[in-house]
Amino acid sequence: MIREFLDSWALFHNVYLVGWSIGLLLSLVGVLVVARNQIFLSAAVAQASTLGVAIGMWVAGRGLAPHLAWLESDGFLSSLAVAFAIIATLFSARRHSLRGNSAEAVTGWVFLVSASTAILLMAHSPHGLEEVHRLLLSSIIGAGRHDVWVFGSLLGLSGALIAVLHRRILLFSLDPAMATAAGMNVRAWGVATSGWLGLSAGLSMRASGMLYTFGCLVLPALIAASLCREVRTMFLVAPLVAVLSAGAGFVLANHYDYPPAQVIVALMCLLLAATWIVRGIRG
């Protein structure tokens, strides 16, 4: 099985590298998502990215492409995916200004309006509808060298920022009131972390689809939360879980000819269930 995986490296090495990079990146972001109890927000943000892609394809289908060729470019669609992810994150972060509505209500609205509008925009476009379905089902088989450089750079930048600012990040995530008392600009930190989540989820959604993006955002962090007593330690355990799960998933998917994204997410779900069972028995 391992030998088959190594033999496939020459053909699928970009896919494997992108899958690992996305898993590492999103697992780091996911620690903040889980620590701030915003798990459903990550699903809404991923779905908003799909809406951005659908709008881009709808605009390109209005007959403007011959005059504006960049409307059909992958860069344009990726930019819209990131933009809508960031908008969804910032909108949900302002939920307290929407009187009478809970955080879950606003996040649920973002998720549902994004999901329904994306399908409606592409309902009469077979190619567009196929692309939306691909994003929803998740597939990282088409990842290329460009994706390796993009996610590798974003992962390196994210790791460096966490290493330098980890104390402030923990304080902001766990106790915003204390962070304010310590002189931190909580509003600015909220915008920065929302942009980080939106950028990471938007790019990942475009490259790997919703299932893999949502899974890597929440599952490694939830597993780490079950194993760790401190959020500080979760920043080490969550990436380790993501790397090991992705590695095992790629090996199994290659051997049994299954889609890798689904195999990896299924493995992380099994691992999370195992940690819950163990905690229940020990408790």
C-alpha atoms as a PDB file:
ATOM      1  CA  MET A   1       0.000   0.000   0.000  1.00  0.00           C
ATOM      2  CA  ILE A   2       2.796   2.421   0.936  1.00  0.00           C
ATOM      3  CA  ARG A   3       4.735   1.387  -2.165  1.00  0.00           C
ATOM      4  CA  GLU A   4       1.734   2.191  -4.371  1.00  0.00           C
ATOM      5  CA  PHE A   5       1.497   5.617  -2.761  1.00  0.00           C
ATOM      6  CA  LEU A   6       5.173   6.319  -3.382  1.00  0.00           C
ATOM      7  CA  ASP A   7       4.814   5.187  -6.983  1.00  0.00           C
ATOM      8  CA  SER A   8       1.990   7.692  -7.469  1.00  0.00           C
ATOM      9  CA  TRP A   9       4.085  10.587  -6.136  1.00  0.00           C
ATOM     10  CA  ALA A  10       5.433  11.593  -9.547  1.00  0.00           C
ATOM     11  CA  LEU A  11       1.896  12.020 -10.894  1.00  0.00           C
ATOM     12  CA  PHE A  12       0.036  13.392  -7.874  1.00  0.00           C
ATOM     13  CA  HIS A  13       2.707  15.112  -5.784  1.00  0.00           C
ATOM     14  CA  ASN A  14       1.080  18.526  -6.245  1.00  0.00           C
ATOM     15  CA  VAL A  15      -2.223  17.139  -4.980  1.00  0.00           C
ATOM     16  CA  TYR A  16      -0.570  15.645  -1.911  1.00  0.00           C
ATOM     17  CA  LEU A  17       1.398  18.794  -1.116  1.00  0.00           C
ATOM     18  CA  VAL A  18      -1.663  21.023  -1.512  1.00  0.00           C
ATOM     19  CA  GLY A  19      -3.768  18.686   0.614  1.00  0.00           C
ATOM     20  CA  TRP A  20      -1.198  18.750   3.416  1.00  0.00           C
ATOM     21  CA  SER A  21      -0.719  22.527   3.154  1.00  0.00           C
ATOM     22  CA  ILE A  22      -4.453  23.198   3.303  1.00  0.00           C
ATOM     23  CA  GLY A  23      -4.833  20.809   6.224  1.00  0.00           C
ATOM     24  CA  LEU A  24      -2.043  22.514   8.174  1.00  0.00           C
ATOM     25  CA  LEU A  25      -3.268  26.026   7.370  1.00  0.00           C
ATOM     26  CA  LEU A  26      -6.919  25.424   8.198  1.00  0.00           C
ATOM     27  CA  SER A  27      -6.123  23.456  11.340  1.00  0.00           C
ATOM     28  CA  LEU A  28      -4.297  26.522  12.704  1.00  0.00           C
ATOM     29  CA  VAL A  29      -7.188  28.816  11.812  1.00  0.00           C
ATOM     30  CA  GLY A  30      -9.606  26.222  13.145  1.00  0.00           C
ATOM     31  CA  VAL A  31      -8.128  26.454  16.641  1.00  0.00           C
ATOM     32  CA  LEU A  32      -9.387  30.039  16.817  1.00  0.00           C
ATOM     33  CA  VAL A  33     -12.750  29.011  15.347  1.00  0.00           C
ATOM     34  CA  VAL A  34     -13.220  26.288  17.960  1.00  0.00           C
ATOM     35  CA  ALA A  35     -11.837  28.392  20.819  1.00  0.00           C
ATOM     36  CA  ARG A  36     -14.357  31.134  19.999  1.00  0.00           C
ATOM     37  CA  ASN A  37     -17.186  28.612  19.505  1.00  0.00           C
ATOM     38  CA  GLN A  38     -17.751  29.607  15.854  1.00  0.00           C
ATOM     39  CA  ILE A  39     -17.863  26.152  14.268  1.00  0.00           C
ATOM     40  CA  PHE A  40     -20.968  26.773  12.174  1.00  0.00           C
ATOM     41  CA  LEU A  41     -19.475  30.053  10.980  1.00  0.00           C
ATOM     42  CA  SER A  42     -16.773  28.132   9.113  1.00  0.00           C
ATOM     43  CA  ALA A  43     -19.448  26.224   7.165  1.00  0.00           C
ATOM     44  CA  ALA A  44     -21.213  29.477   6.289  1.00  0.00           C
ATOM     45  CA  VAL A  45     -17.948  31.069   5.166  1.00  0.00           C
ATOM     46  CA  ALA A  46     -17.125  28.086   2.955  1.00  0.00           C
ATOM     47  CA  GLN A  47     -20.598  28.241   1.423  1.00  0.00           C
ATOM     48  CA  ALA A  48     -20.254  31.981   0.836  1.00  0.00           C
ATOM     49  CA  SER A  49     -17.105  31.234  -1.177  1.00  0.00           C
ATOM     50  CA  THR A  50     -19.191  29.001  -3.438  1.00  0.00           C
ATOM     51  CA  LEU A  51     -21.608  31.869  -3.954  1.00  0.00           C
ATOM     52  CA  GLY A  52     -18.702  34.100  -4.976  1.00  0.00           C
ATOM     53  CA  VAL A  53     -17.603  31.581  -7.617  1.00  0.00           C
ATOM     54  CA  ALA A  54     -21.181  31.223  -8.868  1.00  0.00           C
ATOM     55  CA  ILE A  55     -21.575  34.994  -9.209  1.00  0.00           C
ATOM     56  CA  GLY A  56     -18.303  35.197 -11.111  1.00  0.00           C
ATOM     57  CA  MET A  57     -19.394  32.494 -13.548  1.00  0.00           C
ATOM     58  CA  TRP A  58     -22.820  34.121 -13.903  1.00  0.00           C
ATOM     59  CA  VAL A  59     -21.218  37.479 -14.756  1.00  0.00           C
ATOM     60  CA  ALA A  60     -18.886  35.794 -17.265  1.00  0.00           C
ATOM     61  CA  GLY A  61     -21.908  34.178 -18.909  1.00  0.00           C
ATOM     62  CA  ARG A  62     -23.599  37.511 -19.586  1.00  0.00           C
ATOM     63  CA  GLY A  63     -21.718  37.869 -22.877  1.00  0.00           C
ATOM     64  CA  LEU A  64     -19.006  40.156 -21.536  1.00  0.00           C
ATOM     65  CA  ALA A  65     -16.186  37.602 -21.798  1.00  0.00           C
ATOM     66  CA  PRO A  66     -15.152  38.539 -25.396  1.00  0.00           C
ATOM     67  CA  HIS A  67     -14.554  42.112 -24.258  1.00  0.00           C
ATOM     68  CA  LEU A  68     -13.292  41.305 -20.751  1.00  0.00           C
ATOM     69  CA  ALA A  69     -11.429  38.029 -21.028  1.00  0.00           C
ATOM     70  CA  TRP A  70     -10.263  38.184 -17.413  1.00  0.00           C
ATOM     71  CA  LEU A  71     -13.843  37.472 -16.290  1.00  0.00           C
ATOM     72  CA  GLU A  72     -13.311  33.825 -17.173  1.00  0.00           C
ATOM     73  CA  SER A  73      -9.909  33.556 -15.507  1.00  0.00           C
ATOM     74  CA  ASP A  74      -9.292  31.372 -12.486  1.00  0.00           C
ATOM     75  CA  GLY A  75      -7.786  34.350 -10.684  1.00  0.00           C
ATOM     76  CA  PHE A  76     -11.033  36.311 -10.980  1.00  0.00           C
ATOM     77  CA  LEU A  77     -13.098  33.427  -9.598  1.00  0.00           C
ATOM     78  CA  SER A  78     -10.625  32.847  -6.775  1.00  0.00           C
ATOM     79  CA  SER A  79     -10.718  36.552  -5.904  1.00  0.00           C
ATOM     80  CA  LEU A  80     -14.500  36.478  -5.662  1.00  0.00           C
ATOM     81  CA  ALA A  81     -14.383  33.322  -3.549  1.00  0.00           C
ATOM     82  CA  VAL A  82     -12.028  35.027  -1.097  1.00  0.00           C
ATOM     83  CA  ALA A  83     -13.975  38.308  -1.152  1.00  0.00           C
ATOM     84  CA  PHE A  84     -17.305  36.672  -0.356  1.00  0.00           C
ATOM     85  CA  ALA A  85     -15.702  34.546   2.370  1.00  0.00           C
ATOM     86  CA  ILE A  86     -14.286  37.664   4.030  1.00  0.00           C
ATOM     87  CA  ILE A  87     -17.599  39.531   3.671  1.00  0.00           C
ATOM     88  CA  ALA A  88     -19.473  36.617   5.262  1.00  0.00           C
ATOM     89  CA  THR A  89     -17.003  36.490   8.139  1.00  0.00           C
ATOM     90  CA  LEU A  90     -17.151  40.228   8.795  1.00  0.00           C
ATOM     91  CA  PHE A  91     -20.952  40.264   8.530  1.00  0.00           C
ATOM     92  CA  SER A  92     -21.239  37.466  11.065  1.00  0.00           C
ATOM     93  CA  ALA A  93     -18.733  39.209  13.329  1.00  0.00           C
ATOM     94  CA  ARG A  94     -21.109  42.212  13.467  1.00  0.00           C
ATOM     95  CA  ARG A  95     -23.998  40.037  14.585  1.00  0.00           C
ATOM     96  CA  HIS A  96     -24.300  41.857  17.913  1.00  0.00           C
ATOM     97  CA  SER A  97     -25.379  44.993  16.053  1.00  0.00           C
ATOM     98  CA  LEU A  98     -28.360  43.089  14.605  1.00  0.00           C
ATOM     99  CA  ARG A  99     -30.720  43.410  17.536  1.00  0.00           C
ATOM    100  CA  GLY A 100     -32.904  40.463  18.378  1.00  0.00           C
ATOM    101  CA  ASN A 101     -30.900  37.977  16.334  1.00  0.00           C
ATOM    102  CA  SER A 102     -28.587  35.358  17.794  1.00  0.00           C
ATOM    103  CA  ALA A 103     -25.201  34.494  16.364  1.00  0.00           C
ATOM    104  CA  GLU A 104     -26.546  31.163  15.118  1.00  0.00           C
ATOM    105  CA  ALA A 105     -29.460  32.865  13.356  1.00  0.00           C
ATOM    106  CA  VAL A 106     -27.234  35.258  11.398  1.00  0.00           C
ATOM    107  CA  THR A 107     -24.720  32.548  10.526  1.00  0.00           C
ATOM    108  CA  GLY A 108     -27.505  30.198   9.450  1.00  0.00           C
ATOM    109  CA  TRP A 109     -28.939  32.916   7.208  1.00  0.00           C
ATOM    110  CA  VAL A 110     -25.535  33.430   5.567  1.00  0.00           C
ATOM    111  CA  PHE A 111     -25.198  29.707   4.942  1.00  0.00           C
ATOM    112  CA  LEU A 112     -28.701  29.233   3.497  1.00  0.00           C
ATOM    113  CA  VAL A 113     -28.768  32.323   1.305  1.00  0.00           C
ATOM    114  CA  SER A 114     -25.354  31.439  -0.113  1.00  0.00           C
ATOM    115  CA  ALA A 115     -26.312  27.828  -0.804  1.00  0.00           C
ATOM    116  CA  SER A 116     -29.635  28.615  -2.460  1.00  0.00           C
ATOM    117  CA  THR A 117     -28.466  31.614  -4.499  1.00  0.00           C
ATOM    118  CA  ALA A 118     -25.434  29.763  -5.882  1.00  0.00           C
ATOM    119  CA  ILE A 119     -27.625  26.967  -7.242  1.00  0.00           C
ATOM    120  CA  LEU A 120     -30.230  29.374  -8.635  1.00  0.00           C
ATOM    121  CA  LEU A 121     -27.609  31.425 -10.489  1.00  0.00           C
ATOM    122  CA  MET A 122     -26.211  28.308 -12.167  1.00  0.00           C
ATOM    123  CA  ALA A 123     -29.524  26.470 -12.694  1.00  0.00           C
ATOM    124  CA  HIS A 124     -29.530  27.130 -16.469  1.00  0.00           C
ATOM    125  CA  SER A 125     -25.786  26.728 -16.958  1.00  0.00           C
ATOM    126  CA  PRO A 126     -24.728  23.056 -17.118  1.00  0.00           C
ATOM    127  CA  HIS A 127     -21.033  23.915 -16.856  1.00  0.00           C
ATOM    128  CA  GLY A 128     -21.577  26.354 -14.004  1.00  0.00           C
ATOM    129  CA  LEU A 129     -23.830  23.953 -12.123  1.00  0.00           C
ATOM    130  CA  GLU A 130     -21.221  21.223 -12.511  1.00  0.00           C
ATOM    131  CA  GLU A 131     -18.574  23.534 -11.058  1.00  0.00           C
ATOM    132  CA  VAL A 132     -20.782  24.397  -8.066  1.00  0.00           C
ATOM    133  CA  HIS A 133     -21.443  20.712  -7.451  1.00  0.00           C
ATOM    134  CA  ARG A 134     -17.703  20.022  -7.657  1.00  0.00           C
ATOM    135  CA  LEU A 135     -17.026  22.636  -5.005  1.00  0.00           C
ATOM    136  CA  LEU A 136     -19.730  21.244  -2.750  1.00  0.00           C
ATOM    137  CA  LEU A 137     -18.573  17.638  -3.144  1.00  0.00           C
ATOM    138  CA  SER A 138     -14.854  18.490  -2.818  1.00  0.00           C
ATOM    139  CA  SER A 139     -12.048  17.388  -5.092  1.00  0.00           C
ATOM    140  CA  ILE A 140      -8.359  18.257  -4.831  1.00  0.00           C
ATOM    141  CA  ILE A 141      -7.267  16.127  -7.775  1.00  0.00           C
ATOM    142  CA  GLY A 142      -6.879  19.193  -9.992  1.00  0.00           C
ATOM    143  CA  ALA A 143      -4.475  21.029  -7.686  1.00  0.00           C
ATOM    144  CA  GLY A 144      -1.344  22.281  -9.429  1.00  0.00           C
ATOM    145  CA  ARG A 145       2.079  23.769  -8.704  1.00  0.00           C
ATOM    146  CA  HIS A 146       0.614  27.258  -8.390  1.00  0.00           C
ATOM    147  CA  ASP A 147      -1.604  26.032  -5.544  1.00  0.00           C
ATOM    148  CA  VAL A 148       1.437  24.522  -3.825  1.00  0.00           C
ATOM    149  CA  TRP A 149       3.181  27.898  -3.779  1.00  0.00           C
ATOM    150  CA  VAL A 150       0.050  29.810  -2.708  1.00  0.00           C
ATOM    151  CA  PHE A 151      -0.836  27.602   0.233  1.00  0.00           C
ATOM    152  CA  GLY A 152       2.784  27.020   1.200  1.00  0.00           C
ATOM    153  CA  SER A 153       3.330  30.799   1.419  1.00  0.00           C
ATOM    154  CA  LEU A 154       0.092  31.377   3.318  1.00  0.00           C
ATOM    155  CA  LEU A 155       0.941  28.553   5.722  1.00  0.00           C
ATOM    156  CA  GLY A 156       4.416  29.944   6.349  1.00  0.00           C
ATOM    157  CA  LEU A 157       3.036  33.437   6.994  1.00  0.00           C
ATOM    158  CA  SER A 158       0.334  32.101   9.320  1.00  0.00           C
ATOM    159  CA  GLY A 159       2.815  30.018  11.288  1.00  0.00           C
ATOM    160  CA  ALA A 160       5.150  32.978  11.693  1.00  0.00           C
ATOM    161  CA  LEU A 161       2.353  35.254  12.913  1.00  0.00           C
ATOM    162  CA  ILE A 162       1.165  32.673  15.436  1.00  0.00           C
ATOM    163  CA  ALA A 163       4.704  32.159  16.714  1.00  0.00           C
ATOM    164  CA  VAL A 164       5.201  35.894  17.233  1.00  0.00           C
ATOM    165  CA  LEU A 165       1.707  36.904  18.399  1.00  0.00           C
ATOM    166  CA  HIS A 166       0.488  33.730  20.109  1.00  0.00           C
ATOM    167  CA  ARG A 167       0.017  35.393  23.513  1.00  0.00           C
ATOM    168  CA  ARG A 168      -2.137  38.168  22.088  1.00  0.00           C
ATOM    169  CA  ILE A 169      -4.057  35.724  19.883  1.00  0.00           C
ATOM    170  CA  LEU A 170      -4.858  33.536  22.900  1.00  0.00           C
ATOM    171  CA  LEU A 171      -5.919  36.511  25.002  1.00  0.00           C
ATOM    172  CA  PHE A 172      -8.157  37.874  22.253  1.00  0.00           C
ATOM    173  CA  SER A 173      -9.739  34.470  21.609  1.00  0.00           C
ATOM    174  CA  LEU A 174     -10.352  33.448  25.211  1.00  0.00           C
ATOM    175  CA  ASP A 175     -11.035  36.724  27.025  1.00  0.00           C
ATOM    176  CA  PRO A 176     -11.817  39.780  24.846  1.00  0.00           C
ATOM    177  CA  ALA A 177     -12.663  41.846  27.934  1.00  0.00           C
ATOM    178  CA  MET A 178      -9.243  41.209  29.440  1.00  0.00           C
ATOM    179  CA  ALA A 179      -7.666  41.907  26.042  1.00  0.00           C
ATOM    180  CA  THR A 180      -9.362  45.301  26.005  1.00  0.00           C
ATOM    181  CA  ALA A 181      -8.165  46.012  29.521  1.00  0.00           C
ATOM    182  CA  ALA A 182      -4.646  45.084  28.415  1.00  0.00           C
ATOM    183  CA  GLY A 183      -4.783  47.774  25.729  1.00  0.00           C
ATOM    184  CA  MET A 184      -5.532  45.603  22.699  1.00  0.00           C
ATOM    185  CA  ASN A 185      -7.818  46.992  19.989  1.00  0.00           C
ATOM    186  CA  VAL A 186     -10.352  44.157  20.038  1.00  0.00           C
ATOM    187  CA  ARG A 187     -12.292  45.514  17.066  1.00  0.00           C
ATOM    188  CA  ALA A 188      -9.171  45.629  14.902  1.00  0.00           C
ATOM    189  CA  TRP A 189      -8.194  42.139  16.028  1.00  0.00           C
ATOM    190  CA  GLY A 190     -11.676  40.922  15.154  1.00  0.00           C
ATOM    191  CA  VAL A 191     -11.401  42.342  11.649  1.00  0.00           C
ATOM    192  CA  ALA A 192      -7.904  40.872  11.218  1.00  0.00           C
ATOM    193  CA  THR A 193      -8.889  37.365  12.345  1.00  0.00           C
ATOM    194  CA  SER A 194     -12.052  37.523  10.223  1.00  0.00           C
ATOM    195  CA  GLY A 195      -9.958  38.434   7.208  1.00  0.00           C
ATOM    196  CA  TRP A 196      -7.538  35.600   7.989  1.00  0.00           C
ATOM    197  CA  LEU A 197     -10.396  33.108   8.190  1.00  0.00           C
ATOM    198  CA  GLY A 198     -12.016  34.446   5.024  1.00  0.00           C
ATOM    199  CA  LEU A 199      -8.778  34.424   3.029  1.00  0.00           C
ATOM    200  CA  SER A 200      -7.807  30.911   4.128  1.00  0.00           C
ATOM    201  CA  ALA A 201     -11.273  29.435   3.658  1.00  0.00           C
ATOM    202  CA  GLY A 202     -11.890  31.215   0.354  1.00  0.00           C
ATOM    203  CA  LEU A 203      -8.676  30.035  -1.272  1.00  0.00           C
ATOM    204  CA  SER A 204      -9.060  26.537   0.158  1.00  0.00           C
ATOM    205  CA  MET A 205     -12.652  26.329  -1.011  1.00  0.00           C
ATOM    206  CA  ARG A 206     -11.627  27.149  -4.568  1.00  0.00           C
ATOM    207  CA  ALA A 207      -8.854  24.544  -4.550  1.00  0.00           C
ATOM    208  CA  SER A 208     -10.377  21.681  -2.566  1.00  0.00           C
ATOM    209  CA  GLY A 209     -14.125  22.222  -2.175  1.00  0.00           C
ATOM    210  CA  MET A 210     -16.442  22.747   0.760  1.00  0.00           C
ATOM    211  CA  LEU A 211     -16.234  19.340   2.464  1.00  0.00           C
ATOM    212  CA  TYR A 212     -12.451  19.325   2.748  1.00  0.00           C
ATOM    213  CA  THR A 213     -12.320  23.008   3.723  1.00  0.00           C
ATOM    214  CA  PHE A 214     -14.956  22.693   6.432  1.00  0.00           C
ATOM    215  CA  GLY A 215     -13.521  19.394   7.648  1.00  0.00           C
ATOM    216  CA  CYS A 216      -9.959  20.698   7.994  1.00  0.00           C
ATOM    217  CA  LEU A 217     -11.209  23.843   9.707  1.00  0.00           C
ATOM    218  CA  VAL A 218     -13.081  22.167  12.532  1.00  0.00           C
ATOM    219  CA  LEU A 219     -12.177  18.475  12.902  1.00  0.00           C
ATOM    220  CA  PRO A 220      -8.441  18.728  13.786  1.00  0.00           C
ATOM    221  CA  ALA A 221      -9.188  21.526  16.256  1.00  0.00           C
ATOM    222  CA  LEU A 222     -12.047  19.574  17.834  1.00  0.00           C
ATOM    223  CA  ILE A 223      -9.818  16.515  18.169  1.00  0.00           C
ATOM    224  CA  ALA A 224      -7.115  18.674  19.725  1.00  0.00           C
ATOM    225  CA  ALA A 225      -9.680  20.197  22.106  1.00  0.00           C
ATOM    226  CA  SER A 226     -10.598  16.678  23.254  1.00  0.00           C
ATOM    227  CA  LEU A 227      -6.951  15.811  23.895  1.00  0.00           C
ATOM    228  CA  CYS A 228      -5.576  19.078  25.266  1.00  0.00           C
ATOM    229  CA  ARG A 229      -6.314  21.137  28.352  1.00  0.00           C
ATOM    230  CA  GLU A 230      -4.937  24.410  26.983  1.00  0.00           C
ATOM    231  CA  VAL A 231      -5.561  26.257  23.732  1.00  0.00           C
ATOM    232  CA  ARG A 232      -1.811  26.862  23.476  1.00  0.00           C
ATOM    233  CA  THR A 233      -1.214  23.117  23.072  1.00  0.00           C
ATOM    234  CA  MET A 234      -4.003  22.857  20.499  1.00  0.00           C
ATOM    235  CA  PHE A 235      -1.880  24.896  18.075  1.00  0.00           C
ATOM    236  CA  LEU A 236       0.574  21.984  18.060  1.00  0.00           C
ATOM    237  CA  VAL A 237      -1.801  19.020  18.221  1.00  0.00           C
ATOM    238  CA  ALA A 238      -4.307  20.198  15.579  1.00  0.00           C
ATOM    239  CA  PRO A 239      -1.722  20.510  12.745  1.00  0.00           C
ATOM    240  CA  LEU A 240      -0.266  17.133  13.728  1.00  0.00           C
ATOM    241  CA  VAL A 241      -3.714  15.550  13.469  1.00  0.00           C
ATOM    242  CA  ALA A 242      -4.282  17.204  10.086  1.00  0.00           C
ATOM    243  CA  VAL A 243      -0.945  15.991   8.673  1.00  0.00           C
ATOM    244  CA  LEU A 244      -1.318  12.414   9.889  1.00  0.00           C
ATOM    245  CA  SER A 245      -4.945  12.172   8.758  1.00  0.00           C
ATOM    246  CA  ALA A 246      -4.117  13.571   5.325  1.00  0.00           C
ATOM    247  CA  GLY A 247      -1.177  11.205   4.952  1.00  0.00           C
ATOM    248  CA  ALA A 248      -3.213   8.137   5.896  1.00  0.00           C
ATOM    249  CA  GLY A 249      -6.108   9.328   3.768  1.00  0.00           C
ATOM    250  CA  PHE A 250      -3.954   9.763   0.675  1.00  0.00           C
ATOM    251  CA  VAL A 251      -2.489   6.283   1.096  1.00  0.00           C
ATOM    252  CA  LEU A 252      -5.912   4.651   1.525  1.00  0.00           C
ATOM    253  CA  ALA A 253      -7.514   6.669  -1.270  1.00  0.00           C
ATOM    254  CA  ASN A 254      -4.741   5.737  -3.682  1.00  0.00           C
ATOM    255  CA  HIS A 255      -4.923   2.042  -2.766  1.00  0.00           C
ATOM    256  CA  TYR A 256      -8.720   1.674  -2.892  1.00  0.00           C
ATOM    257  CA  ASP A 257      -9.293   4.266  -5.656  1.00  0.00           C
ATOM    258  CA  TYR A 258     -11.486   6.535  -3.516  1.00  0.00           C
ATOM    259  CA  PRO A 259     -11.689  10.364  -3.630  1.00  0.00           C
ATOM    260  CA  PRO A 260      -8.975  11.561  -1.218  1.00  0.00           C
ATOM    261  CA  ALA A 261     -10.832  14.516   0.316  1.00  0.00           C
ATOM    262  CA  GLN A 262     -13.723  12.335   1.456  1.00  0.00           C
ATOM    263  CA  VAL A 263     -11.397   9.657   2.827  1.00  0.00           C
ATOM    264  CA  ILE A 264      -9.394  12.196   4.851  1.00  0.00           C
ATOM    265  CA  VAL A 265     -12.501  13.832   6.323  1.00  0.00           C
ATOM    266  CA  ALA A 266     -13.974  10.415   7.160  1.00  0.00           C
ATOM    267  CA  LEU A 267     -10.775   9.437   8.989  1.00  0.00           C
ATOM    268  CA  MET A 268     -10.834  12.639  11.025  1.00  0.00           C
ATOM    269  CA  CYS A 269     -14.501  12.045  11.885  1.00  0.00           C
ATOM    270  CA  LEU A 270     -13.653   8.541  13.116  1.00  0.00           C
ATOM    271  CA  LEU A 271     -10.763   9.896  15.159  1.00  0.00           C
ATOM    272  CA  LEU A 272     -12.966  12.565  16.727  1.00  0.00           C
ATOM    273  CA  ALA A 273     -15.608   9.952  17.589  1.00  0.00           C
ATOM    274  CA  ALA A 274     -12.884   7.805  19.174  1.00  0.00           C
ATOM    275  CA  THR A 275     -11.702  10.697  21.358  1.00  0.00           C
ATOM    276  CA  TRP A 276     -15.296  11.355  22.469  1.00  0.00           C
ATOM    277  CA  ILE A 277     -15.749   7.687  23.362  1.00  0.00           C
ATOM    278  CA  VAL A 278     -12.500   7.583  25.322  1.00  0.00           C
ATOM    279  CA  ARG A 279     -13.391  10.766  27.183  1.00  0.00           C
ATOM    280  CA  GLY A 280     -16.842   9.384  27.965  1.00  0.00           C
ATOM    281  CA  ILE A 281     -15.380   6.170  29.377  1.00  0.00           C
ATOM    282  CA  ARG A 282     -12.752   7.993  31.427  1.00  0.00           C
ATOM    283  CA  GLY A 283     -15.324  10.504  32.617  1.00  0.00           C
END
